[in-house]
């Protein structure tokens, strides 16, 4: 019997809430979404900062 990774992960998610209080599965998914979103935001912000710094340096260097 072969287990595909996708099936394994979905099984993990399916079986989490059984023995626990409330809805930990939904909470876990929400936290994962939140953390991945903040990570993406952080990367975008860093890229913007670098972009502006580089362009400021360019203007300063090639200015008057």
C-alpha atoms as a PDB file:
ATOM      1  CA  UNK A   1       0.000   0.000   0.000  1.00  0.00           C
ATOM      2  CA  UNK A   2       1.540   3.289  -1.078  1.00  0.00           C
ATOM      3  CA  UNK A   3       0.783   6.562   0.671  1.00  0.00           C
ATOM      4  CA  UNK A   4       1.010   9.740  -1.347  1.00  0.00           C
ATOM      5  CA  UNK A   5       2.270  12.802   0.583  1.00  0.00           C
ATOM      6  CA  UNK A   6      -0.896  14.738  -0.257  1.00  0.00           C
ATOM      7  CA  UNK A   7      -3.111  12.016   1.200  1.00  0.00           C
ATOM      8  CA  UNK A   8      -0.884  11.792   4.274  1.00  0.00           C
ATOM      9  CA  UNK A   9      -1.100  15.524   4.938  1.00  0.00           C
ATOM     10  CA  UNK A  10      -4.851  15.661   4.383  1.00  0.00           C
ATOM     11  CA  UNK A  11      -5.262  12.705   6.748  1.00  0.00           C
ATOM     12  CA  UNK A  12      -3.211  14.530   9.385  1.00  0.00           C
ATOM     13  CA  UNK A  13      -5.468  17.544   9.059  1.00  0.00           C
ATOM     14  CA  UNK A  14      -8.604  15.432   9.120  1.00  0.00           C
ATOM     15  CA  UNK A  15      -7.682  13.579  12.305  1.00  0.00           C
ATOM     16  CA  UNK A  16      -6.412  16.494  14.384  1.00  0.00           C
ATOM     17  CA  UNK A  17      -9.683  17.838  15.862  1.00  0.00           C
ATOM     18  CA  UNK A  18     -10.952  14.474  17.221  1.00  0.00           C
ATOM     19  CA  UNK A  19      -9.458  14.396  20.712  1.00  0.00           C
ATOM     20  CA  UNK A  20      -9.068  18.119  21.268  1.00  0.00           C
ATOM     21  CA  UNK A  21     -11.255  20.896  22.607  1.00  0.00           C
ATOM     22  CA  UNK A  22     -12.971  23.275  20.202  1.00  0.00           C
ATOM     23  CA  UNK A  23     -11.774  23.387  16.618  1.00  0.00           C
ATOM     24  CA  UNK A  24      -7.972  23.267  16.649  1.00  0.00           C
ATOM     25  CA  UNK A  25      -7.912  22.275  12.970  1.00  0.00           C
ATOM     26  CA  UNK A  26      -9.509  25.535  11.839  1.00  0.00           C
ATOM     27  CA  UNK A  27      -7.345  27.486  14.266  1.00  0.00           C
ATOM     28  CA  UNK A  28      -4.184  25.811  13.014  1.00  0.00           C
ATOM     29  CA  UNK A  29      -5.095  26.543   9.426  1.00  0.00           C
ATOM     30  CA  UNK A  30      -5.873  30.159  10.321  1.00  0.00           C
ATOM     31  CA  UNK A  31      -2.532  30.581  12.083  1.00  0.00           C
ATOM     32  CA  UNK A  32      -0.713  28.993   9.172  1.00  0.00           C
ATOM     33  CA  UNK A  33      -2.435  31.364   6.766  1.00  0.00           C
ATOM     34  CA  UNK A  34      -1.660  34.310   9.040  1.00  0.00           C
ATOM     35  CA  UNK A  35       2.022  33.410   9.374  1.00  0.00           C
ATOM     36  CA  UNK A  36       2.461  32.771   5.646  1.00  0.00           C
ATOM     37  CA  UNK A  37       0.735  36.075   4.876  1.00  0.00           C
ATOM     38  CA  UNK A  38       2.963  37.989   7.295  1.00  0.00           C
ATOM     39  CA  UNK A  39       6.020  36.277   5.812  1.00  0.00           C
ATOM     40  CA  UNK A  40       4.964  37.314   2.310  1.00  0.00           C
ATOM     41  CA  UNK A  41       4.243  40.850   3.528  1.00  0.00           C
ATOM     42  CA  UNK A  42       7.635  41.011   5.213  1.00  0.00           C
ATOM     43  CA  UNK A  43       9.385  39.960   2.019  1.00  0.00           C
ATOM     44  CA  UNK A  44       7.433  42.510  -0.041  1.00  0.00           C
ATOM     45  CA  UNK A  45       8.219  45.287   2.442  1.00  0.00           C
ATOM     46  CA  UNK A  46      11.912  44.363   2.456  1.00  0.00           C
ATOM     47  CA  UNK A  47      11.962  44.399  -1.338  1.00  0.00           C
ATOM     48  CA  UNK A  48      10.284  47.817  -1.394  1.00  0.00           C
ATOM     49  CA  UNK A  49      12.796  49.213   1.106  1.00  0.00           C
ATOM     50  CA  UNK A  50      15.714  47.845  -0.899  1.00  0.00           C
ATOM     51  CA  UNK A  51      14.195  49.208  -4.114  1.00  0.00           C
ATOM     52  CA  UNK A  52      13.804  52.703  -2.675  1.00  0.00           C
ATOM     53  CA  UNK A  53      17.289  52.666  -1.140  1.00  0.00           C
ATOM     54  CA  UNK A  54      18.846  51.610  -4.430  1.00  0.00           C
ATOM     55  CA  UNK A  55      16.991  54.256  -6.380  1.00  0.00           C
ATOM     56  CA  UNK A  56      17.894  56.956  -3.883  1.00  0.00           C
ATOM     57  CA  UNK A  57      21.533  55.937  -4.184  1.00  0.00           C
ATOM     58  CA  UNK A  58      21.257  56.061  -7.973  1.00  0.00           C
ATOM     59  CA  UNK A  59      19.774  59.557  -7.894  1.00  0.00           C
ATOM     60  CA  UNK A  60      22.409  60.749  -5.458  1.00  0.00           C
ATOM     61  CA  UNK A  61      25.221  59.275  -7.564  1.00  0.00           C
ATOM     62  CA  UNK A  62      24.092  60.463 -10.989  1.00  0.00           C
ATOM     63  CA  UNK A  63      22.571  63.744  -9.875  1.00  0.00           C
ATOM     64  CA  UNK A  64      24.333  67.105 -10.136  1.00  0.00           C
END
